[in-house]
Amino acid sequence: MGDGHARAWCAAPEGLLVTVRATPRGGRDALDGIVTLADGREALKLRVSVAAEDGKANAALARLLAKAAGIAPSRVELVSGATARLKTFRLTGDAAELSARLEQAVAG
């Protein structure tokens, strides 16, 4: 994936796997850059205004990721971490194109 923040996501057969550090009830929906986790991995730092109940925060995170990647929300799937702050999402599409769009979104 090149340099930059590519460690927060990696190519997968159908697109990208993206590691997300989620903050529900964060005041507004926003991509707040990259965070380095305690184990040295990187994750996209996302916050959403809704509470983490009944999957509402996960749905809002998926919509926010879709917007950042320039794809339809239906192309974003939660793979792991449904009840955790650290989550993995699959974005379906061309991995290089999705990675470039996420890099651009992180850069602001």
PDB file of N, CA and C in Angstrom:
ATOM      1  N   MET A   1       0.797  -1.192   0.000  1.00  0.00           N
ATOM      2  CA  MET A   1       0.000   0.000   0.000  1.00  0.00           C
ATOM      3  C   MET A   1       0.845   1.264   0.000  1.00  0.00           C
ATOM      4  N   GLY A   2       2.130   1.143   0.056  1.00  0.00           N
ATOM      5  CA  GLY A   2       2.970   2.336   0.068  1.00  0.00           C
ATOM      6  C   GLY A   2       3.195   2.812   1.483  1.00  0.00           C
ATOM      7  N   ASP A   3       3.554   4.094   1.604  1.00  0.00           N
ATOM      8  CA  ASP A   3       3.809   4.617   2.937  1.00  0.00           C
ATOM      9  C   ASP A   3       2.578   5.319   3.465  1.00  0.00           C
ATOM     10  N   GLY A   4       2.761   6.222   4.395  1.00  0.00           N
ATOM     11  CA  GLY A   4       1.608   6.915   4.955  1.00  0.00           C
ATOM     12  C   GLY A   4       0.968   6.077   6.039  1.00  0.00           C
ATOM     13  N   HIS A   5      -0.338   6.017   6.022  1.00  0.00           N
ATOM     14  CA  HIS A   5      -1.088   5.369   7.092  1.00  0.00           C
ATOM     15  C   HIS A   5      -1.633   4.020   6.683  1.00  0.00           C
ATOM     16  N   ALA A   6      -0.991   3.384   5.739  1.00  0.00           N
ATOM     17  CA  ALA A   6      -1.526   2.140   5.188  1.00  0.00           C
ATOM     18  C   ALA A   6      -1.610   1.028   6.226  1.00  0.00           C
ATOM     19  N   ARG A   7      -0.893   1.141   7.338  1.00  0.00           N
ATOM     20  CA  ARG A   7      -0.978   0.075   8.333  1.00  0.00           C
ATOM     21  C   ARG A   7      -2.344   0.029   9.015  1.00  0.00           C
ATOM     22  N   ALA A   8      -3.132   1.087   8.924  1.00  0.00           N
ATOM     23  CA  ALA A   8      -4.478   1.079   9.502  1.00  0.00           C
ATOM     24  C   ALA A   8      -5.434   0.268   8.639  1.00  0.00           C
ATOM     25  N   TRP A   9      -5.013  -0.046   7.416  1.00  0.00           N
ATOM     26  CA  TRP A   9      -5.817  -0.882   6.529  1.00  0.00           C
ATOM     27  C   TRP A   9      -4.905  -1.726   5.670  1.00  0.00           C
ATOM     28  N   CYS A  10      -5.445  -2.818   5.147  1.00  0.00           N
ATOM     29  CA  CYS A  10      -4.660  -3.701   4.292  1.00  0.00           C
ATOM     30  C   CYS A  10      -5.550  -4.282   3.203  1.00  0.00           C
ATOM     31  N   ALA A  11      -4.919  -4.653   2.112  1.00  0.00           N
ATOM     32  CA  ALA A  11      -5.657  -5.229   0.985  1.00  0.00           C
ATOM     33  C   ALA A  11      -6.239  -6.579   1.380  1.00  0.00           C
ATOM     34  N   ALA A  12      -7.426  -6.845   0.883  1.00  0.00           N
ATOM     35  CA  ALA A  12      -8.113  -8.121   1.069  1.00  0.00           C
ATOM     36  C   ALA A  12      -8.623  -8.550  -0.297  1.00  0.00           C
ATOM     37  N   PRO A  13      -9.012  -9.812  -0.459  1.00  0.00           N
ATOM     38  CA  PRO A  13      -9.464 -10.273  -1.779  1.00  0.00           C
ATOM     39  C   PRO A  13     -10.553  -9.407  -2.419  1.00  0.00           C
ATOM     40  N   GLU A  14     -11.472  -8.877  -1.627  1.00  0.00           N
ATOM     41  CA  GLU A  14     -12.575  -8.097  -2.193  1.00  0.00           C
ATOM     42  C   GLU A  14     -12.386  -6.597  -2.061  1.00  0.00           C
ATOM     43  N   GLY A  15     -11.308  -6.144  -1.429  1.00  0.00           N
ATOM     44  CA  GLY A  15     -11.122  -4.708  -1.213  1.00  0.00           C
ATOM     45  C   GLY A  15     -10.125  -4.434  -0.115  1.00  0.00           C
ATOM     46  N   LEU A  16     -10.572  -3.778   0.959  1.00  0.00           N
ATOM     47  CA  LEU A  16      -9.701  -3.439   2.081  1.00  0.00           C
ATOM     48  C   LEU A  16     -10.304  -3.914   3.392  1.00  0.00           C
ATOM     49  N   LEU A  17      -9.427  -4.276   4.328  1.00  0.00           N
ATOM     50  CA  LEU A  17      -9.813  -4.470   5.720  1.00  0.00           C
ATOM     51  C   LEU A  17      -9.289  -3.261   6.473  1.00  0.00           C
ATOM     52  N   VAL A  18     -10.165  -2.586   7.201  1.00  0.00           N
ATOM     53  CA  VAL A  18      -9.820  -1.344   7.884  1.00  0.00           C
ATOM     54  C   VAL A  18      -9.997  -1.531   9.384  1.00  0.00           C
ATOM     55  N   THR A  19      -8.949  -1.212  10.147  1.00  0.00           N
ATOM     56  CA  THR A  19      -9.017  -1.244  11.601  1.00  0.00           C
ATOM     57  C   THR A  19      -9.479   0.125  12.081  1.00  0.00           C
ATOM     58  N   VAL A  20     -10.490   0.139  12.949  1.00  0.00           N
ATOM     59  CA  VAL A  20     -11.098   1.379  13.423  1.00  0.00           C
ATOM     60  C   VAL A  20     -11.084   1.409  14.943  1.00  0.00           C
ATOM     61  N   ARG A  21     -10.702   2.543  15.504  1.00  0.00           N
ATOM     62  CA  ARG A  21     -10.839   2.812  16.946  1.00  0.00           C
ATOM     63  C   ARG A  21     -12.043   3.734  17.075  1.00  0.00           C
ATOM     64  N   ALA A  22     -13.139   3.214  17.612  1.00  0.00           N
ATOM     65  CA  ALA A  22     -14.415   3.927  17.631  1.00  0.00           C
ATOM     66  C   ALA A  22     -14.648   4.671  18.938  1.00  0.00           C
ATOM     67  N   THR A  23     -15.245   5.856  18.816  1.00  0.00           N
ATOM     68  CA  THR A  23     -15.696   6.614  19.969  1.00  0.00           C
ATOM     69  C   THR A  23     -17.170   6.964  19.767  1.00  0.00           C
ATOM     70  N   PRO A  24     -18.067   6.200  20.396  1.00  0.00           N
ATOM     71  CA  PRO A  24     -19.489   6.545  20.307  1.00  0.00           C
ATOM     72  C   PRO A  24     -19.786   7.759  21.190  1.00  0.00           C
ATOM     73  N   ARG A  25     -20.881   8.438  20.926  1.00  0.00           N
ATOM     74  CA  ARG A  25     -21.267   9.663  21.633  1.00  0.00           C
ATOM     75  C   ARG A  25     -20.125  10.672  21.629  1.00  0.00           C
ATOM     76  N   GLY A  26     -19.476  10.800  20.466  1.00  0.00           N
ATOM     77  CA  GLY A  26     -18.331  11.699  20.335  1.00  0.00           C
ATOM     78  C   GLY A  26     -18.687  13.123  19.971  1.00  0.00           C
ATOM     79  N   GLY A  27     -19.954  13.486  20.025  1.00  0.00           N
ATOM     80  CA  GLY A  27     -20.366  14.851  19.753  1.00  0.00           C
ATOM     81  C   GLY A  27     -20.755  15.096  18.307  1.00  0.00           C
ATOM     82  N   ARG A  28     -20.007  14.529  17.392  1.00  0.00           N
ATOM     83  CA  ARG A  28     -20.304  14.657  15.961  1.00  0.00           C
ATOM     84  C   ARG A  28     -19.654  13.491  15.239  1.00  0.00           C
ATOM     85  N   ASP A  29     -20.064  13.268  14.007  1.00  0.00           N
ATOM     86  CA  ASP A  29     -19.464  12.207  13.198  1.00  0.00           C
ATOM     87  C   ASP A  29     -18.215  12.766  12.535  1.00  0.00           C
ATOM     88  N   ALA A  30     -17.055  12.138  12.795  1.00  0.00           N
ATOM     89  CA  ALA A  30     -15.810  12.666  12.245  1.00  0.00           C
ATOM     90  C   ALA A  30     -14.739  11.593  12.162  1.00  0.00           C
ATOM     91  N   LEU A  31     -13.875  11.743  11.170  1.00  0.00           N
ATOM     92  CA  LEU A  31     -12.661  10.947  11.050  1.00  0.00           C
ATOM     93  C   LEU A  31     -11.562  11.809  11.665  1.00  0.00           C
ATOM     94  N   ASP A  32     -11.017  11.367  12.791  1.00  0.00           N
ATOM     95  CA  ASP A  32     -10.045  12.155  13.541  1.00  0.00           C
ATOM     96  C   ASP A  32      -8.609  11.719  13.307  1.00  0.00           C
ATOM     97  N   GLY A  33      -8.333  11.105  12.173  1.00  0.00           N
ATOM     98  CA  GLY A  33      -6.965  10.736  11.831  1.00  0.00           C
ATOM     99  C   GLY A  33      -6.628   9.306  12.193  1.00  0.00           C
ATOM    100  N   ILE A  34      -5.361   9.120  12.516  1.00  0.00           N
ATOM    101  CA  ILE A  34      -4.815   7.795  12.815  1.00  0.00           C
ATOM    102  C   ILE A  34      -4.359   7.770  14.267  1.00  0.00           C
ATOM    103  N   VAL A  35      -4.596   6.659  14.932  1.00  0.00           N
ATOM    104  CA  VAL A  35      -4.127   6.464  16.296  1.00  0.00           C
ATOM    105  C   VAL A  35      -3.240   5.220  16.309  1.00  0.00           C
ATOM    106  N   THR A  36      -2.153   5.274  17.085  1.00  0.00           N
ATOM    107  CA  THR A  36      -1.289   4.113  17.268  1.00  0.00           C
ATOM    108  C   THR A  36      -1.732   3.394  18.535  1.00  0.00           C
ATOM    109  N   LEU A  37      -2.049   2.127  18.398  1.00  0.00           N
ATOM    110  CA  LEU A  37      -2.530   1.322  19.515  1.00  0.00           C
ATOM    111  C   LEU A  37      -1.368   0.869  20.388  1.00  0.00           C
ATOM    112  N   ALA A  38      -1.672   0.359  21.571  1.00  0.00           N
ATOM    113  CA  ALA A  38      -0.647  -0.079  22.520  1.00  0.00           C
ATOM    114  C   ALA A  38       0.272  -1.143  21.936  1.00  0.00           C
ATOM    115  N   ASP A  39      -0.255  -1.981  21.036  1.00  0.00           N
ATOM    116  CA  ASP A  39       0.561  -3.045  20.446  1.00  0.00           C
ATOM    117  C   ASP A  39       1.325  -2.584  19.201  1.00  0.00           C
ATOM    118  N   GLY A  40       1.259  -1.283  18.887  1.00  0.00           N
ATOM    119  CA  GLY A  40       2.011  -0.738  17.761  1.00  0.00           C
ATOM    120  C   GLY A  40       1.243  -0.669  16.454  1.00  0.00           C
ATOM    121  N   ARG A  41       0.076  -1.329  16.390  1.00  0.00           N
ATOM    122  CA  ARG A  41      -0.740  -1.243  15.174  1.00  0.00           C
ATOM    123  C   ARG A  41      -1.368   0.140  15.075  1.00  0.00           C
ATOM    124  N   GLU A  42      -1.790   0.487  13.864  1.00  0.00           N
ATOM    125  CA  GLU A  42      -2.490   1.744  13.656  1.00  0.00           C
ATOM    126  C   GLU A  42      -3.959   1.471  13.358  1.00  0.00           C
ATOM    127  N   ALA A  43      -4.801   2.450  13.676  1.00  0.00           N
ATOM    128  CA  ALA A  43      -6.233   2.354  13.399  1.00  0.00           C
ATOM    129  C   ALA A  43      -6.751   3.730  13.021  1.00  0.00           C
ATOM    130  N   LEU A  44      -7.784   3.748  12.182  1.00  0.00           N
ATOM    131  CA  LEU A  44      -8.485   4.998  11.919  1.00  0.00           C
ATOM    132  C   LEU A  44      -9.246   5.363  13.182  1.00  0.00           C
ATOM    133  N   LYS A  45      -9.148   6.612  13.587  1.00  0.00           N
ATOM    134  CA  LYS A  45      -9.867   7.076  14.771  1.00  0.00           C
ATOM    135  C   LYS A  45     -11.151   7.748  14.292  1.00  0.00           C
ATOM    136  N   LEU A  46     -12.287   7.095  14.557  1.00  0.00           N
ATOM    137  CA  LEU A  46     -13.585   7.605  14.136  1.00  0.00           C
ATOM    138  C   LEU A  46     -14.442   7.874  15.353  1.00  0.00           C
ATOM    139  N   ARG A  47     -15.216   8.957  15.287  1.00  0.00           N
ATOM    140  CA  ARG A  47     -16.198   9.200  16.342  1.00  0.00           C
ATOM    141  C   ARG A  47     -17.550   9.469  15.706  1.00  0.00           C
ATOM    142  N   VAL A  48     -18.562   9.025  16.401  1.00  0.00           N
ATOM    143  CA  VAL A  48     -19.934   9.213  15.934  1.00  0.00           C
ATOM    144  C   VAL A  48     -20.768   9.782  17.080  1.00  0.00           C
ATOM    145  N   SER A  49     -21.817  10.493  16.725  1.00  0.00           N
ATOM    146  CA  SER A  49     -22.627  11.169  17.734  1.00  0.00           C
ATOM    147  C   SER A  49     -23.605  10.243  18.450  1.00  0.00           C
ATOM    148  N   VAL A  50     -23.927   9.110  17.848  1.00  0.00           N
ATOM    149  CA  VAL A  50     -24.916   8.207  18.453  1.00  0.00           C
ATOM    150  C   VAL A  50     -24.280   7.302  19.508  1.00  0.00           C
ATOM    151  N   ALA A  51     -25.109   6.827  20.414  1.00  0.00           N
ATOM    152  CA  ALA A  51     -24.652   5.916  21.463  1.00  0.00           C
ATOM    153  C   ALA A  51     -24.468   4.511  20.903  1.00  0.00           C
ATOM    154  N   ALA A  52     -23.658   3.741  21.597  1.00  0.00           N
ATOM    155  CA  ALA A  52     -23.391   2.355  21.197  1.00  0.00           C
ATOM    156  C   ALA A  52     -24.493   1.450  21.735  1.00  0.00           C
ATOM    157  N   GLU A  53     -25.659   1.525  21.114  1.00  0.00           N
ATOM    158  CA  GLU A  53     -26.769   0.661  21.516  1.00  0.00           C
ATOM    159  C   GLU A  53     -27.519   0.191  20.281  1.00  0.00           C
ATOM    160  N   ASP A  54     -27.883  -1.070  20.288  1.00  0.00           N
ATOM    161  CA  ASP A  54     -28.653  -1.675  19.195  1.00  0.00           C
ATOM    162  C   ASP A  54     -27.985  -1.523  17.832  1.00  0.00           C
ATOM    163  N   GLY A  55     -26.657  -1.485  17.796  1.00  0.00           N
ATOM    164  CA  GLY A  55     -25.940  -1.405  16.528  1.00  0.00           C
ATOM    165  C   GLY A  55     -25.942  -0.040  15.867  1.00  0.00           C
ATOM    166  N   LYS A  56     -26.502   0.976  16.542  1.00  0.00           N
ATOM    167  CA  LYS A  56     -26.585   2.312  15.940  1.00  0.00           C
ATOM    168  C   LYS A  56     -25.209   2.910  15.678  1.00  0.00           C
ATOM    169  N   ALA A  57     -24.295   2.770  16.622  1.00  0.00           N
ATOM    170  CA  ALA A  57     -22.956   3.330  16.431  1.00  0.00           C
ATOM    171  C   ALA A  57     -22.223   2.596  15.310  1.00  0.00           C
ATOM    172  N   ASN A  58     -22.359   1.280  15.241  1.00  0.00           N
ATOM    173  CA  ASN A  58     -21.709   0.521  14.167  1.00  0.00           C
ATOM    174  C   ASN A  58     -22.228   0.952  12.799  1.00  0.00           C
ATOM    175  N   ALA A  59     -23.531   1.172  12.686  1.00  0.00           N
ATOM    176  CA  ALA A  59     -24.109   1.628  11.418  1.00  0.00           C
ATOM    177  C   ALA A  59     -23.592   3.016  11.062  1.00  0.00           C
ATOM    178  N   ALA A  60     -23.485   3.890  12.061  1.00  0.00           N
ATOM    179  CA  ALA A  60     -22.967   5.238  11.812  1.00  0.00           C
ATOM    180  C   ALA A  60     -21.496   5.189  11.408  1.00  0.00           C
ATOM    181  N   LEU A  61     -20.721   4.313  12.036  1.00  0.00           N
ATOM    182  CA  LEU A  61     -19.312   4.146  11.659  1.00  0.00           C
ATOM    183  C   LEU A  61     -19.195   3.663  10.221  1.00  0.00           C
ATOM    184  N   ALA A  62     -20.036   2.713   9.837  1.00  0.00           N
ATOM    185  CA  ALA A  62     -20.018   2.194   8.466  1.00  0.00           C
ATOM    186  C   ALA A  62     -20.340   3.299   7.466  1.00  0.00           C
ATOM    187  N   ARG A  63     -21.333   4.133   7.783  1.00  0.00           N
ATOM    188  CA  ARG A  63     -21.678   5.255   6.890  1.00  0.00           C
ATOM    189  C   ARG A  63     -20.524   6.242   6.786  1.00  0.00           C
ATOM    190  N   LEU A  64     -19.866   6.516   7.904  1.00  0.00           N
ATOM    191  CA  LEU A  64     -18.738   7.445   7.912  1.00  0.00           C
ATOM    192  C   LEU A  64     -17.568   6.899   7.096  1.00  0.00           C
ATOM    193  N   LEU A  65     -17.278   5.614   7.242  1.00  0.00           N
ATOM    194  CA  LEU A  65     -16.226   4.983   6.440  1.00  0.00           C
ATOM    195  C   LEU A  65     -16.572   5.017   4.956  1.00  0.00           C
ATOM    196  N   ALA A  66     -17.825   4.740   4.631  1.00  0.00           N
ATOM    197  CA  ALA A  66     -18.262   4.768   3.233  1.00  0.00           C
ATOM    198  C   ALA A  66     -18.063   6.155   2.641  1.00  0.00           C
ATOM    199  N   LYS A  67     -18.432   7.173   3.394  1.00  0.00           N
ATOM    200  CA  LYS A  67     -18.270   8.552   2.921  1.00  0.00           C
ATOM    201  C   LYS A  67     -16.796   8.872   2.693  1.00  0.00           C
ATOM    202  N   ALA A  68     -15.934   8.481   3.636  1.00  0.00           N
ATOM    203  CA  ALA A  68     -14.498   8.746   3.510  1.00  0.00           C
ATOM    204  C   ALA A  68     -13.901   8.031   2.305  1.00  0.00           C
ATOM    205  N   ALA A  69     -14.395   6.829   2.007  1.00  0.00           N
ATOM    206  CA  ALA A  69     -13.863   6.033   0.899  1.00  0.00           C
ATOM    207  C   ALA A  69     -14.572   6.319  -0.423  1.00  0.00           C
ATOM    208  N   GLY A  70     -15.634   7.117  -0.382  1.00  0.00           N
ATOM    209  CA  GLY A  70     -16.361   7.446  -1.599  1.00  0.00           C
ATOM    210  C   GLY A  70     -17.134   6.280  -2.189  1.00  0.00           C
ATOM    211  N   ILE A  71     -17.677   5.434  -1.307  1.00  0.00           N
ATOM    212  CA  ILE A  71     -18.443   4.273  -1.771  1.00  0.00           C
ATOM    213  C   ILE A  71     -19.809   4.254  -1.089  1.00  0.00           C
ATOM    214  N   ALA A  72     -20.689   3.407  -1.580  1.00  0.00           N
ATOM    215  CA  ALA A  72     -22.011   3.247  -0.976  1.00  0.00           C
ATOM    216  C   ALA A  72     -21.884   2.527   0.368  1.00  0.00           C
ATOM    217  N   PRO A  73     -22.691   2.908   1.352  1.00  0.00           N
ATOM    218  CA  PRO A  73     -22.653   2.222   2.646  1.00  0.00           C
ATOM    219  C   PRO A  73     -22.866   0.717   2.545  1.00  0.00           C
ATOM    220  N   SER A  74     -23.568   0.267   1.522  1.00  0.00           N
ATOM    221  CA  SER A  74     -23.797  -1.172   1.348  1.00  0.00           C
ATOM    222  C   SER A  74     -22.507  -1.927   1.046  1.00  0.00           C
ATOM    223  N   ARG A  75     -21.432  -1.212   0.697  1.00  0.00           N
ATOM    224  CA  ARG A  75     -20.142  -1.837   0.404  1.00  0.00           C
ATOM    225  C   ARG A  75     -19.220  -1.857   1.621  1.00  0.00           C
ATOM    226  N   VAL A  76     -19.760  -1.528   2.801  1.00  0.00           N
ATOM    227  CA  VAL A  76     -18.999  -1.549   4.055  1.00  0.00           C
ATOM    228  C   VAL A  76     -19.637  -2.582   4.972  1.00  0.00           C
ATOM    229  N   GLU A  77     -18.817  -3.508   5.459  1.00  0.00           N
ATOM    230  CA  GLU A  77     -19.314  -4.592   6.313  1.00  0.00           C
ATOM    231  C   GLU A  77     -18.463  -4.685   7.572  1.00  0.00           C
ATOM    232  N   LEU A  78     -19.110  -4.769   8.730  1.00  0.00           N
ATOM    233  CA  LEU A  78     -18.409  -4.987   9.991  1.00  0.00           C
ATOM    234  C   LEU A  78     -17.989  -6.448  10.056  1.00  0.00           C
ATOM    235  N   VAL A  79     -16.685  -6.687  10.165  1.00  0.00           N
ATOM    236  CA  VAL A  79     -16.148  -8.051  10.178  1.00  0.00           C
ATOM    237  C   VAL A  79     -15.945  -8.542  11.607  1.00  0.00           C
ATOM    238  N   SER A  80     -15.444  -7.670  12.479  1.00  0.00           N
ATOM    239  CA  SER A  80     -15.221  -8.063  13.873  1.00  0.00           C
ATOM    240  C   SER A  80     -15.291  -6.842  14.779  1.00  0.00           C
ATOM    241  N   GLY A  81     -15.562  -7.105  16.059  1.00  0.00           N
ATOM    242  CA  GLY A  81     -15.584  -6.040  17.048  1.00  0.00           C
ATOM    243  C   GLY A  81     -16.936  -5.382  17.239  1.00  0.00           C
ATOM    244  N   ALA A  82     -18.015  -6.099  17.006  1.00  0.00           N
ATOM    245  CA  ALA A  82     -19.357  -5.510  17.078  1.00  0.00           C
ATOM    246  C   ALA A  82     -19.622  -4.803  18.403  1.00  0.00           C
ATOM    247  N   THR A  83     -19.079  -5.327  19.506  1.00  0.00           N
ATOM    248  CA  THR A  83     -19.328  -4.719  20.812  1.00  0.00           C
ATOM    249  C   THR A  83     -18.070  -4.112  21.425  1.00  0.00           C
ATOM    250  N   ALA A  84     -17.016  -3.974  20.639  1.00  0.00           N
ATOM    251  CA  ALA A  84     -15.746  -3.432  21.136  1.00  0.00           C
ATOM    252  C   ALA A  84     -15.456  -2.077  20.497  1.00  0.00           C
ATOM    253  N   ARG A  85     -14.554  -1.333  21.105  1.00  0.00           N
ATOM    254  CA  ARG A  85     -14.142  -0.061  20.498  1.00  0.00           C
ATOM    255  C   ARG A  85     -13.240  -0.287  19.291  1.00  0.00           C
ATOM    256  N   LEU A  86     -12.472  -1.363  19.312  1.00  0.00           N
ATOM    257  CA  LEU A  86     -11.594  -1.695  18.196  1.00  0.00           C
ATOM    258  C   LEU A  86     -12.353  -2.631  17.261  1.00  0.00           C
ATOM    259  N   LYS A  87     -12.511  -2.201  16.016  1.00  0.00           N
ATOM    260  CA  LYS A  87     -13.336  -2.928  15.052  1.00  0.00           C
ATOM    261  C   LYS A  87     -12.580  -3.118  13.747  1.00  0.00           C
ATOM    262  N   THR A  88     -13.001  -4.103  12.977  1.00  0.00           N
ATOM    263  CA  THR A  88     -12.489  -4.299  11.625  1.00  0.00           C
ATOM    264  C   THR A  88     -13.665  -4.265  10.665  1.00  0.00           C
ATOM    265  N   PHE A  89     -13.534  -3.417   9.649  1.00  0.00           N
ATOM    266  CA  PHE A  89     -14.543  -3.311   8.598  1.00  0.00           C
ATOM    267  C   PHE A  89     -13.938  -3.762   7.279  1.00  0.00           C
ATOM    268  N   ARG A  90     -14.761  -4.368   6.422  1.00  0.00           N
ATOM    269  CA  ARG A  90     -14.359  -4.703   5.054  1.00  0.00           C
ATOM    270  C   ARG A  90     -15.014  -3.698   4.122  1.00  0.00           C
ATOM    271  N   LEU A  91     -14.202  -3.047   3.283  1.00  0.00           N
ATOM    272  CA  LEU A  91     -14.692  -2.153   2.243  1.00  0.00           C
ATOM    273  C   LEU A  91     -14.525  -2.881   0.926  1.00  0.00           C
ATOM    274  N   THR A  92     -15.608  -3.054   0.193  1.00  0.00           N
ATOM    275  CA  THR A  92     -15.579  -3.788  -1.063  1.00  0.00           C
ATOM    276  C   THR A  92     -15.291  -2.841  -2.217  1.00  0.00           C
ATOM    277  N   GLY A  93     -14.321  -3.238  -3.047  1.00  0.00           N
ATOM    278  CA  GLY A  93     -13.948  -2.437  -4.212  1.00  0.00           C
ATOM    279  C   GLY A  93     -12.485  -2.624  -4.534  1.00  0.00           C
ATOM    280  N   ASP A  94     -11.959  -1.767  -5.390  1.00  0.00           N
ATOM    281  CA  ASP A  94     -10.553  -1.815  -5.776  1.00  0.00           C
ATOM    282  C   ASP A  94      -9.692  -1.341  -4.609  1.00  0.00           C
ATOM    283  N   ALA A  95      -8.807  -2.207  -4.114  1.00  0.00           N
ATOM    284  CA  ALA A  95      -8.018  -1.914  -2.917  1.00  0.00           C
ATOM    285  C   ALA A  95      -7.160  -0.664  -3.078  1.00  0.00           C
ATOM    286  N   ALA A  96      -6.499  -0.510  -4.218  1.00  0.00           N
ATOM    287  CA  ALA A  96      -5.626   0.647  -4.424  1.00  0.00           C
ATOM    288  C   ALA A  96      -6.429   1.945  -4.434  1.00  0.00           C
ATOM    289  N   GLU A  97      -7.567   1.915  -5.080  1.00  0.00           N
ATOM    290  CA  GLU A  97      -8.419   3.107  -5.150  1.00  0.00           C
ATOM    291  C   GLU A  97      -8.981   3.465  -3.776  1.00  0.00           C
ATOM    292  N   LEU A  98      -9.456   2.465  -3.049  1.00  0.00           N
ATOM    293  CA  LEU A  98      -9.989   2.700  -1.707  1.00  0.00           C
ATOM    294  C   LEU A  98      -8.907   3.224  -0.774  1.00  0.00           C
ATOM    295  N   SER A  99      -7.714   2.653  -0.867  1.00  0.00           N
ATOM    296  CA  SER A  99      -6.602   3.092  -0.033  1.00  0.00           C
ATOM    297  C   SER A  99      -6.260   4.554  -0.313  1.00  0.00           C
ATOM    298  N   ALA A 100      -6.222   4.923  -1.583  1.00  0.00           N
ATOM    299  CA  ALA A 100      -5.915   6.307  -1.953  1.00  0.00           C
ATOM    300  C   ALA A 100      -6.973   7.263  -1.402  1.00  0.00           C
ATOM    301  N   ARG A 101      -8.232   6.864  -1.469  1.00  0.00           N
ATOM    302  CA  ARG A 101      -9.307   7.718  -0.951  1.00  0.00           C
ATOM    303  C   ARG A 101      -9.216   7.873   0.562  1.00  0.00           C
ATOM    304  N   LEU A 102      -8.881   6.784   1.266  1.00  0.00           N
ATOM    305  CA  LEU A 102      -8.733   6.878   2.717  1.00  0.00           C
ATOM    306  C   LEU A 102      -7.539   7.751   3.082  1.00  0.00           C
ATOM    307  N   GLU A 103      -6.437   7.605   2.354  1.00  0.00           N
ATOM    308  CA  GLU A 103      -5.270   8.471   2.585  1.00  0.00           C
ATOM    309  C   GLU A 103      -5.666   9.937   2.448  1.00  0.00           C
ATOM    310  N   GLN A 104      -6.433  10.243   1.412  1.00  0.00           N
ATOM    311  CA  GLN A 104      -6.877  11.613   1.168  1.00  0.00           C
ATOM    312  C   GLN A 104      -7.793  12.093   2.296  1.00  0.00           C
ATOM    313  N   ALA A 105      -8.688  11.240   2.761  1.00  0.00           N
ATOM    314  CA  ALA A 105      -9.597  11.606   3.848  1.00  0.00           C
ATOM    315  C   ALA A 105      -8.833  11.870   5.141  1.00  0.00           C
ATOM    316  N   VAL A 106      -7.815  11.063   5.421  1.00  0.00           N
ATOM    317  CA  VAL A 106      -7.011  11.243   6.626  1.00  0.00           C
ATOM    318  C   VAL A 106      -6.222  12.547   6.547  1.00  0.00           C
ATOM    319  N   ALA A 107      -5.715  12.862   5.347  1.00  0.00           N
ATOM    320  CA  ALA A 107      -4.925  14.080   5.160  1.00  0.00           C
ATOM    321  C   ALA A 107      -5.787  15.337   5.293  1.00  0.00           C
ATOM    322  N   GLY A 108      -7.102  15.177   5.154  1.00  0.00           N
ATOM    323  CA  GLY A 108      -8.010  16.299   5.329  1.00  0.00           C
ATOM    324  C   GLY A 108      -8.276  17.000   4.062  1.00  0.00           C
TER     325      GLY A 108
END
